[in-house]
Amino acid sequence: MSDKDINRILMQFEHLMRQSNRERINPVIDELAIDDLKPIIDLVARSRADYLKHLYDLCSKYHGSDGLPSPEELKRLRAYRNRFVELADGAKSFEISIQRGYLDIKS
């Protein structure tokens, strides 16, 4: 198979992916304005702030000592990080969906 054939197949694949995503995503989410995205951005920012604050507090607690965070403290930090990462990934998915035209945007 030539590079030209591969590129043509990849273009067709990209078209099918865009079409399928738009057909599935667009009907379940109303047309969006920038203000409609604010709750997403705000929740991500809040979760990031919580994660960073917990990390900072944990590091401050052990600064200047030989101690290390306990398994329970690390479990809690991991929960903060997981929440932030999940929400940030979701926001990024919204951004990509807007860029690729899966969602309608109010002008």
PDB file of N, CA and C in Angstrom:
ATOM      1  N   MET A   1       0.862  -1.170   0.000  1.00  0.00           N
ATOM      2  CA  MET A   1       0.000   0.000   0.000  1.00  0.00           C
ATOM      3  C   MET A   1       0.909   1.233   0.000  1.00  0.00           C
ATOM      4  N   SER A   2       0.606   2.168  -0.863  1.00  0.00           N
ATOM      5  CA  SER A   2       1.436   3.371  -0.992  1.00  0.00           C
ATOM      6  C   SER A   2       1.103   4.389   0.098  1.00  0.00           C
ATOM      7  N   ASP A   3       1.996   5.342   0.267  1.00  0.00           N
ATOM      8  CA  ASP A   3       1.753   6.427   1.227  1.00  0.00           C
ATOM      9  C   ASP A   3       0.495   7.199   0.864  1.00  0.00           C
ATOM     10  N   LYS A   4       0.266   7.357  -0.423  1.00  0.00           N
ATOM     11  CA  LYS A   4      -0.929   8.070  -0.887  1.00  0.00           C
ATOM     12  C   LYS A   4      -2.193   7.322  -0.465  1.00  0.00           C
ATOM     13  N   ASP A   5      -2.189   6.001  -0.619  1.00  0.00           N
ATOM     14  CA  ASP A   5      -3.340   5.184  -0.214  1.00  0.00           C
ATOM     15  C   ASP A   5      -3.561   5.257   1.303  1.00  0.00           C
ATOM     16  N   ILE A   6      -2.471   5.184   2.032  1.00  0.00           N
ATOM     17  CA  ILE A   6      -2.569   5.260   3.494  1.00  0.00           C
ATOM     18  C   ILE A   6      -3.134   6.609   3.913  1.00  0.00           C
ATOM     19  N   ASN A   7      -2.648   7.681   3.316  1.00  0.00           N
ATOM     20  CA  ASN A   7      -3.150   9.018   3.649  1.00  0.00           C
ATOM     21  C   ASN A   7      -4.629   9.161   3.317  1.00  0.00           C
ATOM     22  N   ARG A   8      -5.052   8.577   2.191  1.00  0.00           N
ATOM     23  CA  ARG A   8      -6.461   8.639   1.814  1.00  0.00           C
ATOM     24  C   ARG A   8      -7.326   7.893   2.827  1.00  0.00           C
ATOM     25  N   ILE A   9      -6.883   6.721   3.245  1.00  0.00           N
ATOM     26  CA  ILE A   9      -7.622   5.945   4.246  1.00  0.00           C
ATOM     27  C   ILE A   9      -7.675   6.698   5.572  1.00  0.00           C
ATOM     28  N   LEU A  10      -6.567   7.298   5.965  1.00  0.00           N
ATOM     29  CA  LEU A  10      -6.546   8.063   7.212  1.00  0.00           C
ATOM     30  C   LEU A  10      -7.481   9.264   7.153  1.00  0.00           C
ATOM     31  N   MET A  11      -7.558   9.908   6.002  1.00  0.00           N
ATOM     32  CA  MET A  11      -8.489  11.035   5.847  1.00  0.00           C
ATOM     33  C   MET A  11      -9.929  10.552   5.952  1.00  0.00           C
ATOM     34  N   GLN A  12     -10.233   9.417   5.347  1.00  0.00           N
ATOM     35  CA  GLN A  12     -11.576   8.856   5.435  1.00  0.00           C
ATOM     36  C   GLN A  12     -11.900   8.445   6.872  1.00  0.00           C
ATOM     37  N   PHE A  13     -10.925   7.867   7.538  1.00  0.00           N
ATOM     38  CA  PHE A  13     -11.102   7.482   8.938  1.00  0.00           C
ATOM     39  C   PHE A  13     -11.390   8.715   9.791  1.00  0.00           C
ATOM     40  N   GLU A  14     -10.618   9.770   9.600  1.00  0.00           N
ATOM     41  CA  GLU A  14     -10.821  11.020  10.342  1.00  0.00           C
ATOM     42  C   GLU A  14     -12.221  11.573  10.081  1.00  0.00           C
ATOM     43  N   HIS A  15     -12.662  11.523   8.827  1.00  0.00           N
ATOM     44  CA  HIS A  15     -14.004  12.005   8.484  1.00  0.00           C
ATOM     45  C   HIS A  15     -15.076  11.179   9.206  1.00  0.00           C
ATOM     46  N   LEU A  16     -14.936   9.852   9.183  1.00  0.00           N
ATOM     47  CA  LEU A  16     -15.897   8.985   9.871  1.00  0.00           C
ATOM     48  C   LEU A  16     -15.910   9.247  11.375  1.00  0.00           C
ATOM     49  N   MET A  17     -14.737   9.457  11.942  1.00  0.00           N
ATOM     50  CA  MET A  17     -14.652   9.713  13.376  1.00  0.00           C
ATOM     51  C   MET A  17     -15.348  11.030  13.725  1.00  0.00           C
ATOM     52  N   ARG A  18     -15.100  12.065  12.939  1.00  0.00           N
ATOM     53  CA  ARG A  18     -15.753  13.355  13.190  1.00  0.00           C
ATOM     54  C   ARG A  18     -17.271  13.233  13.044  1.00  0.00           C
ATOM     55  N   GLN A  19     -17.694  12.564  11.987  1.00  0.00           N
ATOM     56  CA  GLN A  19     -19.120  12.407  11.732  1.00  0.00           C
ATOM     57  C   GLN A  19     -19.796  11.630  12.862  1.00  0.00           C
ATOM     58  N   SER A  20     -19.210  10.527  13.261  1.00  0.00           N
ATOM     59  CA  SER A  20     -19.793   9.703  14.319  1.00  0.00           C
ATOM     60  C   SER A  20     -19.832  10.452  15.650  1.00  0.00           C
ATOM     61  N   ASN A  21     -18.752  11.131  15.992  1.00  0.00           N
ATOM     62  CA  ASN A  21     -18.725  11.896  17.240  1.00  0.00           C
ATOM     63  C   ASN A  21     -19.760  13.007  17.227  1.00  0.00           C
ATOM     64  N   ARG A  22     -19.877  13.720  16.122  1.00  0.00           N
ATOM     65  CA  ARG A  22     -20.867  14.795  16.044  1.00  0.00           C
ATOM     66  C   ARG A  22     -22.280  14.230  16.171  1.00  0.00           C
ATOM     67  N   GLU A  23     -22.548  13.117  15.490  1.00  0.00           N
ATOM     68  CA  GLU A  23     -23.878  12.507  15.547  1.00  0.00           C
ATOM     69  C   GLU A  23     -24.234  12.042  16.957  1.00  0.00           C
ATOM     70  N   ARG A  24     -23.257  11.620  17.738  1.00  0.00           N
ATOM     71  CA  ARG A  24     -23.512  11.116  19.090  1.00  0.00           C
ATOM     72  C   ARG A  24     -23.490  12.216  20.148  1.00  0.00           C
ATOM     73  N   ILE A  25     -22.573  13.159  20.013  1.00  0.00           N
ATOM     74  CA  ILE A  25     -22.385  14.179  21.048  1.00  0.00           C
ATOM     75  C   ILE A  25     -23.342  15.347  20.877  1.00  0.00           C
ATOM     76  N   ASN A  26     -23.477  15.839  19.661  1.00  0.00           N
ATOM     77  CA  ASN A  26     -24.250  17.059  19.421  1.00  0.00           C
ATOM     78  C   ASN A  26     -25.696  16.993  19.908  1.00  0.00           C
ATOM     79  N   PRO A  27     -26.413  15.893  19.684  1.00  0.00           N
ATOM     80  CA  PRO A  27     -27.809  15.858  20.131  1.00  0.00           C
ATOM     81  C   PRO A  27     -28.006  15.856  21.653  1.00  0.00           C
ATOM     82  N   VAL A  28     -26.993  15.450  22.401  1.00  0.00           N
ATOM     83  CA  VAL A  28     -27.183  15.333  23.849  1.00  0.00           C
ATOM     84  C   VAL A  28     -26.707  16.556  24.629  1.00  0.00           C
ATOM     85  N   ILE A  29     -26.072  17.509  23.938  1.00  0.00           N
ATOM     86  CA  ILE A  29     -25.613  18.738  24.595  1.00  0.00           C
ATOM     87  C   ILE A  29     -26.114  19.922  23.783  1.00  0.00           C
ATOM     88  N   ASP A  30     -26.863  20.794  24.445  1.00  0.00           N
ATOM     89  CA  ASP A  30     -27.417  21.968  23.771  1.00  0.00           C
ATOM     90  C   ASP A  30     -26.310  22.864  23.228  1.00  0.00           C
ATOM     91  N   GLU A  31     -26.695  23.708  22.286  1.00  0.00           N
ATOM     92  CA  GLU A  31     -25.772  24.703  21.748  1.00  0.00           C
ATOM     93  C   GLU A  31     -25.176  25.505  22.909  1.00  0.00           C
ATOM     94  N   LEU A  32     -23.884  25.713  22.864  1.00  0.00           N
ATOM     95  CA  LEU A  32     -23.177  26.322  23.988  1.00  0.00           C
ATOM     96  C   LEU A  32     -22.735  27.751  23.702  1.00  0.00           C
ATOM     97  N   ALA A  33     -22.801  28.569  24.729  1.00  0.00           N
ATOM     98  CA  ALA A  33     -22.180  29.894  24.714  1.00  0.00           C
ATOM     99  C   ALA A  33     -21.006  29.827  25.687  1.00  0.00           C
ATOM    100  N   ILE A  34     -20.134  30.803  25.623  1.00  0.00           N
ATOM    101  CA  ILE A  34     -18.967  30.794  26.499  1.00  0.00           C
ATOM    102  C   ILE A  34     -19.373  30.738  27.972  1.00  0.00           C
ATOM    103  N   ASP A  35     -20.463  31.401  28.328  1.00  0.00           N
ATOM    104  CA  ASP A  35     -20.929  31.373  29.720  1.00  0.00           C
ATOM    105  C   ASP A  35     -21.360  29.974  30.160  1.00  0.00           C
ATOM    106  N   ASP A  36     -21.784  29.147  29.211  1.00  0.00           N
ATOM    107  CA  ASP A  36     -22.180  27.776  29.534  1.00  0.00           C
ATOM    108  C   ASP A  36     -20.979  26.909  29.926  1.00  0.00           C
ATOM    109  N   LEU A  37     -19.800  27.324  29.514  1.00  0.00           N
ATOM    110  CA  LEU A  37     -18.588  26.564  29.815  1.00  0.00           C
ATOM    111  C   LEU A  37     -17.958  26.966  31.149  1.00  0.00           C
ATOM    112  N   LYS A  38     -18.387  28.083  31.693  1.00  0.00           N
ATOM    113  CA  LYS A  38     -17.806  28.588  32.945  1.00  0.00           C
ATOM    114  C   LYS A  38     -17.911  27.579  34.089  1.00  0.00           C
ATOM    115  N   PRO A  39     -19.037  26.882  34.287  1.00  0.00           N
ATOM    116  CA  PRO A  39     -19.094  25.899  35.380  1.00  0.00           C
ATOM    117  C   PRO A  39     -18.044  24.789  35.252  1.00  0.00           C
ATOM    118  N   ILE A  40     -17.748  24.389  34.029  1.00  0.00           N
ATOM    119  CA  ILE A  40     -16.732  23.352  33.815  1.00  0.00           C
ATOM    120  C   ILE A  40     -15.367  23.878  34.238  1.00  0.00           C
ATOM    121  N   ILE A  41     -15.022  25.050  33.729  1.00  0.00           N
ATOM    122  CA  ILE A  41     -13.723  25.643  34.031  1.00  0.00           C
ATOM    123  C   ILE A  41     -13.593  25.921  35.523  1.00  0.00           C
ATOM    124  N   ASP A  42     -14.654  26.409  36.127  1.00  0.00           N
ATOM    125  CA  ASP A  42     -14.618  26.734  37.551  1.00  0.00           C
ATOM    126  C   ASP A  42     -14.411  25.482  38.407  1.00  0.00           C
ATOM    127  N   LEU A  43     -15.099  24.404  38.074  1.00  0.00           N
ATOM    128  CA  LEU A  43     -14.953  23.170  38.850  1.00  0.00           C
ATOM    129  C   LEU A  43     -13.537  22.605  38.725  1.00  0.00           C
ATOM    130  N   VAL A  44     -12.973  22.665  37.531  1.00  0.00           N
ATOM    131  CA  VAL A  44     -11.593  22.209  37.344  1.00  0.00           C
ATOM    132  C   VAL A  44     -10.642  23.068  38.170  1.00  0.00           C
ATOM    133  N   ALA A  45     -10.832  24.378  38.132  1.00  0.00           N
ATOM    134  CA  ALA A  45      -9.962  25.278  38.894  1.00  0.00           C
ATOM    135  C   ALA A  45     -10.079  25.022  40.396  1.00  0.00           C
ATOM    136  N   ARG A  46     -11.294  24.804  40.869  1.00  0.00           N
ATOM    137  CA  ARG A  46     -11.488  24.516  42.297  1.00  0.00           C
ATOM    138  C   ARG A  46     -10.815  23.208  42.696  1.00  0.00           C
ATOM    139  N   SER A  47     -10.944  22.193  41.856  1.00  0.00           N
ATOM    140  CA  SER A  47     -10.329  20.906  42.183  1.00  0.00           C
ATOM    141  C   SER A  47      -8.803  21.005  42.126  1.00  0.00           C
ATOM    142  N   ARG A  48      -8.283  21.803  41.199  1.00  0.00           N
ATOM    143  CA  ARG A  48      -6.836  22.017  41.134  1.00  0.00           C
ATOM    144  C   ARG A  48      -6.356  22.727  42.397  1.00  0.00           C
ATOM    145  N   ALA A  49      -7.089  23.747  42.807  1.00  0.00           N
ATOM    146  CA  ALA A  49      -6.724  24.493  44.013  1.00  0.00           C
ATOM    147  C   ALA A  49      -6.727  23.576  45.237  1.00  0.00           C
ATOM    148  N   ASP A  50      -7.741  22.735  45.368  1.00  0.00           N
ATOM    149  CA  ASP A  50      -7.805  21.795  46.495  1.00  0.00           C
ATOM    150  C   ASP A  50      -6.610  20.841  46.491  1.00  0.00           C
ATOM    151  N   TYR A  51      -6.298  20.304  45.314  1.00  0.00           N
ATOM    152  CA  TYR A  51      -5.176  19.374  45.180  1.00  0.00           C
ATOM    153  C   TYR A  51      -3.861  20.051  45.547  1.00  0.00           C
ATOM    154  N   LEU A  52      -3.620  21.228  44.983  1.00  0.00           N
ATOM    155  CA  LEU A  52      -2.371  21.934  45.258  1.00  0.00           C
ATOM    156  C   LEU A  52      -2.267  22.357  46.720  1.00  0.00           C
ATOM    157  N   LYS A  53      -3.375  22.790  47.302  1.00  0.00           N
ATOM    158  CA  LYS A  53      -3.376  23.185  48.706  1.00  0.00           C
ATOM    159  C   LYS A  53      -3.056  21.987  49.596  1.00  0.00           C
ATOM    160  N   HIS A  54      -3.650  20.856  49.290  1.00  0.00           N
ATOM    161  CA  HIS A  54      -3.380  19.659  50.090  1.00  0.00           C
ATOM    162  C   HIS A  54      -1.914  19.239  49.946  1.00  0.00           C
ATOM    163  N   LEU A  55      -1.391  19.277  48.741  1.00  0.00           N
ATOM    164  CA  LEU A  55       0.015  18.944  48.514  1.00  0.00           C
ATOM    165  C   LEU A  55       0.927  19.905  49.275  1.00  0.00           C
ATOM    166  N   TYR A  56       0.632  21.190  49.185  1.00  0.00           N
ATOM    167  CA  TYR A  56       1.435  22.199  49.877  1.00  0.00           C
ATOM    168  C   TYR A  56       1.410  21.975  51.393  1.00  0.00           C
ATOM    169  N   ASP A  57       0.224  21.761  51.933  1.00  0.00           N
ATOM    170  CA  ASP A  57       0.100  21.534  53.375  1.00  0.00           C
ATOM    171  C   ASP A  57       0.861  20.280  53.812  1.00  0.00           C
ATOM    172  N   LEU A  58       0.764  19.242  53.002  1.00  0.00           N
ATOM    173  CA  LEU A  58       1.459  18.000  53.317  1.00  0.00           C
ATOM    174  C   LEU A  58       2.975  18.205  53.302  1.00  0.00           C
ATOM    175  N   CYS A  59       3.467  18.892  52.295  1.00  0.00           N
ATOM    176  CA  CYS A  59       4.908  19.160  52.201  1.00  0.00           C
ATOM    177  C   CYS A  59       5.373  20.062  53.339  1.00  0.00           C
ATOM    178  N   SER A  60       4.569  21.046  53.675  1.00  0.00           N
ATOM    179  CA  SER A  60       4.922  21.945  54.783  1.00  0.00           C
ATOM    180  C   SER A  60       5.004  21.184  56.101  1.00  0.00           C
ATOM    181  N   LYS A  61       4.099  20.239  56.279  1.00  0.00           N
ATOM    182  CA  LYS A  61       4.072  19.445  57.511  1.00  0.00           C
ATOM    183  C   LYS A  61       5.382  18.682  57.711  1.00  0.00           C
ATOM    184  N   TYR A  62       5.946  18.172  56.632  1.00  0.00           N
ATOM    185  CA  TYR A  62       7.134  17.330  56.737  1.00  0.00           C
ATOM    186  C   TYR A  62       8.436  18.068  56.422  1.00  0.00           C
ATOM    187  N   HIS A  63       8.344  19.325  56.069  1.00  0.00           N
ATOM    188  CA  HIS A  63       9.548  20.107  55.757  1.00  0.00           C
ATOM    189  C   HIS A  63      10.450  20.203  56.987  1.00  0.00           C
ATOM    190  N   GLY A  64      11.721  19.956  56.785  1.00  0.00           N
ATOM    191  CA  GLY A  64      12.681  20.066  57.874  1.00  0.00           C
ATOM    192  C   GLY A  64      12.722  18.867  58.796  1.00  0.00           C
ATOM    193  N   SER A  65      12.023  17.820  58.442  1.00  0.00           N
ATOM    194  CA  SER A  65      12.041  16.606  59.268  1.00  0.00           C
ATOM    195  C   SER A  65      12.420  15.417  58.398  1.00  0.00           C
ATOM    196  N   ASP A  66      12.676  14.309  59.035  1.00  0.00           N
ATOM    197  CA  ASP A  66      12.961  13.076  58.297  1.00  0.00           C
ATOM    198  C   ASP A  66      11.690  12.295  57.989  1.00  0.00           C
ATOM    199  N   GLY A  67      10.568  12.790  58.486  1.00  0.00           N
ATOM    200  CA  GLY A  67       9.301  12.095  58.304  1.00  0.00           C
ATOM    201  C   GLY A  67       8.806  12.161  56.870  1.00  0.00           C
ATOM    202  N   LEU A  68       7.982  11.221  56.539  1.00  0.00           N
ATOM    203  CA  LEU A  68       7.336  11.147  55.226  1.00  0.00           C
ATOM    204  C   LEU A  68       5.836  10.965  55.429  1.00  0.00           C
ATOM    205  N   PRO A  69       5.055  11.343  54.435  1.00  0.00           N
ATOM    206  CA  PRO A  69       3.601  11.170  54.557  1.00  0.00           C
ATOM    207  C   PRO A  69       3.225   9.706  54.799  1.00  0.00           C
ATOM    208  N   SER A  70       2.201   9.530  55.590  1.00  0.00           N
ATOM    209  CA  SER A  70       1.699   8.185  55.893  1.00  0.00           C
ATOM    210  C   SER A  70       0.918   7.648  54.697  1.00  0.00           C
ATOM    211  N   PRO A  71       0.687   6.346  54.669  1.00  0.00           N
ATOM    212  CA  PRO A  71      -0.146   5.788  53.597  1.00  0.00           C
ATOM    213  C   PRO A  71      -1.524   6.459  53.523  1.00  0.00           C
ATOM    214  N   GLU A  72      -2.093   6.774  54.674  1.00  0.00           N
ATOM    215  CA  GLU A  72      -3.406   7.432  54.686  1.00  0.00           C
ATOM    216  C   GLU A  72      -3.320   8.843  54.091  1.00  0.00           C
ATOM    217  N   GLU A  73      -2.253   9.562  54.414  1.00  0.00           N
ATOM    218  CA  GLU A  73      -2.075  10.906  53.845  1.00  0.00           C
ATOM    219  C   GLU A  73      -1.885  10.838  52.337  1.00  0.00           C
ATOM    220  N   LEU A  74      -1.133   9.850  51.877  1.00  0.00           N
ATOM    221  CA  LEU A  74      -0.936   9.683  50.436  1.00  0.00           C
ATOM    222  C   LEU A  74      -2.227   9.258  49.744  1.00  0.00           C
ATOM    223  N   LYS A  75      -3.005   8.455  50.413  1.00  0.00           N
ATOM    224  CA  LYS A  75      -4.302   8.040  49.857  1.00  0.00           C
ATOM    225  C   LYS A  75      -5.196   9.260  49.650  1.00  0.00           C
ATOM    226  N   ARG A  76      -5.192  10.147  50.625  1.00  0.00           N
ATOM    227  CA  ARG A  76      -6.006  11.365  50.514  1.00  0.00           C
ATOM    228  C   ARG A  76      -5.477  12.270  49.394  1.00  0.00           C
ATOM    229  N   LEU A  77      -4.150  12.418  49.314  1.00  0.00           N
ATOM    230  CA  LEU A  77      -3.555  13.220  48.241  1.00  0.00           C
ATOM    231  C   LEU A  77      -3.916  12.630  46.877  1.00  0.00           C
ATOM    232  N   ARG A  78      -3.849  11.310  46.764  1.00  0.00           N
ATOM    233  CA  ARG A  78      -4.197  10.630  45.510  1.00  0.00           C
ATOM    234  C   ARG A  78      -5.650  10.900  45.125  1.00  0.00           C
ATOM    235  N   ALA A  79      -6.527  10.919  46.100  1.00  0.00           N
ATOM    236  CA  ALA A  79      -7.942  11.205  45.823  1.00  0.00           C
ATOM    237  C   ALA A  79      -8.105  12.625  45.284  1.00  0.00           C
ATOM    238  N   TYR A  80      -7.408  13.579  45.877  1.00  0.00           N
ATOM    239  CA  TYR A  80      -7.450  14.956  45.369  1.00  0.00           C
ATOM    240  C   TYR A  80      -6.919  15.019  43.938  1.00  0.00           C
ATOM    241  N   ARG A  81      -5.787  14.339  43.702  1.00  0.00           N
ATOM    242  CA  ARG A  81      -5.194  14.346  42.365  1.00  0.00           C
ATOM    243  C   ARG A  81      -6.114  13.672  41.355  1.00  0.00           C
ATOM    244  N   ASN A  82      -6.661  12.526  41.704  1.00  0.00           N
ATOM    245  CA  ASN A  82      -7.552  11.815  40.784  1.00  0.00           C
ATOM    246  C   ASN A  82      -8.762  12.663  40.418  1.00  0.00           C
ATOM    247  N   ARG A  83      -9.327  13.342  41.404  1.00  0.00           N
ATOM    248  CA  ARG A  83     -10.479  14.208  41.127  1.00  0.00           C
ATOM    249  C   ARG A  83     -10.080  15.310  40.155  1.00  0.00           C
ATOM    250  N   PHE A  84      -8.949  15.958  40.435  1.00  0.00           N
ATOM    251  CA  PHE A  84      -8.489  17.021  39.546  1.00  0.00           C
ATOM    252  C   PHE A  84      -8.221  16.497  38.136  1.00  0.00           C
ATOM    253  N   VAL A  85      -7.502  15.395  38.018  1.00  0.00           N
ATOM    254  CA  VAL A  85      -7.144  14.855  36.701  1.00  0.00           C
ATOM    255  C   VAL A  85      -8.393  14.461  35.916  1.00  0.00           C
ATOM    256  N   GLU A  86      -9.348  13.819  36.565  1.00  0.00           N
ATOM    257  CA  GLU A  86     -10.587  13.433  35.878  1.00  0.00           C
ATOM    258  C   GLU A  86     -11.331  14.658  35.350  1.00  0.00           C
ATOM    259  N   LEU A  87     -11.436  15.680  36.189  1.00  0.00           N
ATOM    260  CA  LEU A  87     -12.148  16.891  35.770  1.00  0.00           C
ATOM    261  C   LEU A  87     -11.381  17.641  34.690  1.00  0.00           C
ATOM    262  N   ALA A  88     -10.064  17.711  34.813  1.00  0.00           N
ATOM    263  CA  ALA A  88      -9.249  18.386  33.799  1.00  0.00           C
ATOM    264  C   ALA A  88      -9.331  17.647  32.465  1.00  0.00           C
ATOM    265  N   ASP A  89      -9.297  16.320  32.505  1.00  0.00           N
ATOM    266  CA  ASP A  89      -9.442  15.532  31.275  1.00  0.00           C
ATOM    267  C   ASP A  89     -10.812  15.759  30.636  1.00  0.00           C
ATOM    268  N   GLY A  90     -11.833  15.856  31.466  1.00  0.00           N
ATOM    269  CA  GLY A  90     -13.172  16.133  30.945  1.00  0.00           C
ATOM    270  C   GLY A  90     -13.249  17.493  30.281  1.00  0.00           C
ATOM    271  N   ALA A  91     -12.645  18.496  30.905  1.00  0.00           N
ATOM    272  CA  ALA A  91     -12.626  19.839  30.314  1.00  0.00           C
ATOM    273  C   ALA A  91     -11.864  19.829  28.996  1.00  0.00           C
ATOM    274  N   LYS A  92     -10.768  19.088  28.953  1.00  0.00           N
ATOM    275  CA  LYS A  92      -9.990  18.978  27.713  1.00  0.00           C
ATOM    276  C   LYS A  92     -10.825  18.301  26.632  1.00  0.00           C
ATOM    277  N   SER A  93     -11.632  17.319  27.004  1.00  0.00           N
ATOM    278  CA  SER A  93     -12.510  16.656  26.035  1.00  0.00           C
ATOM    279  C   SER A  93     -13.534  17.632  25.468  1.00  0.00           C
ATOM    280  N   PHE A  94     -14.044  18.527  26.321  1.00  0.00           N
ATOM    281  CA  PHE A  94     -14.947  19.571  25.829  1.00  0.00           C
ATOM    282  C   PHE A  94     -14.219  20.460  24.829  1.00  0.00           C
ATOM    283  N   GLU A  95     -13.005  20.865  25.183  1.00  0.00           N
ATOM    284  CA  GLU A  95     -12.222  21.731  24.297  1.00  0.00           C
ATOM    285  C   GLU A  95     -12.003  21.071  22.937  1.00  0.00           C
ATOM    286  N   ILE A  96     -11.616  19.820  22.943  1.00  0.00           N
ATOM    287  CA  ILE A  96     -11.391  19.087  21.695  1.00  0.00           C
ATOM    288  C   ILE A  96     -12.688  18.946  20.913  1.00  0.00           C
ATOM    289  N   SER A  97     -13.784  18.677  21.610  1.00  0.00           N
ATOM    290  CA  SER A  97     -15.082  18.538  20.939  1.00  0.00           C
ATOM    291  C   SER A  97     -15.509  19.836  20.272  1.00  0.00           C
ATOM    292  N   ILE A  98     -15.187  20.950  20.898  1.00  0.00           N
ATOM    293  CA  ILE A  98     -15.485  22.252  20.287  1.00  0.00           C
ATOM    294  C   ILE A  98     -14.592  22.467  19.072  1.00  0.00           C
ATOM    295  N   GLN A  99     -13.302  22.205  19.218  1.00  0.00           N
ATOM    296  CA  GLN A  99     -12.355  22.389  18.116  1.00  0.00           C
ATOM    297  C   GLN A  99     -12.729  21.550  16.903  1.00  0.00           C
ATOM    298  N   ARG A 100     -13.202  20.353  17.134  1.00  0.00           N
ATOM    299  CA  ARG A 100     -13.490  19.432  16.035  1.00  0.00           C
ATOM    300  C   ARG A 100     -14.912  19.555  15.503  1.00  0.00           C
ATOM    301  N   GLY A 101     -15.686  20.451  16.099  1.00  0.00           N
ATOM    302  CA  GLY A 101     -17.025  20.703  15.581  1.00  0.00           C
ATOM    303  C   GLY A 101     -18.078  19.709  16.023  1.00  0.00           C
ATOM    304  N   TYR A 102     -17.821  18.962  17.082  1.00  0.00           N
ATOM    305  CA  TYR A 102     -18.814  18.015  17.580  1.00  0.00           C
ATOM    306  C   TYR A 102     -19.958  18.734  18.285  1.00  0.00           C
ATOM    307  N   LEU A 103     -19.674  19.916  18.813  1.00  0.00           N
ATOM    308  CA  LEU A 103     -20.656  20.709  19.548  1.00  0.00           C
ATOM    309  C   LEU A 103     -20.951  21.996  18.801  1.00  0.00           C
ATOM    310  N   ASP A 104     -22.187  22.457  18.908  1.00  0.00           N
ATOM    311  CA  ASP A 104     -22.557  23.739  18.313  1.00  0.00           C
ATOM    312  C   ASP A 104     -22.276  24.849  19.316  1.00  0.00           C
ATOM    313  N   ILE A 105     -21.717  25.938  18.823  1.00  0.00           N
ATOM    314  CA  ILE A 105     -21.368  27.083  19.653  1.00  0.00           C
ATOM    315  C   ILE A 105     -22.189  28.283  19.204  1.00  0.00           C
ATOM    316  N   LYS A 106     -22.778  28.968  20.193  1.00  0.00           N
ATOM    317  CA  LYS A 106     -23.513  30.202  19.895  1.00  0.00           C
ATOM    318  C   LYS A 106     -22.509  31.300  19.583  1.00  0.00           C
ATOM    319  N   SER A 107     -22.845  32.092  18.559  1.00  0.00           N
ATOM    320  CA  SER A 107     -21.929  33.195  18.230  1.00  0.00           C
ATOM    321  C   SER A 107     -22.357  34.491  18.849  1.00  0.00           C
TER     322      SER A 107
END
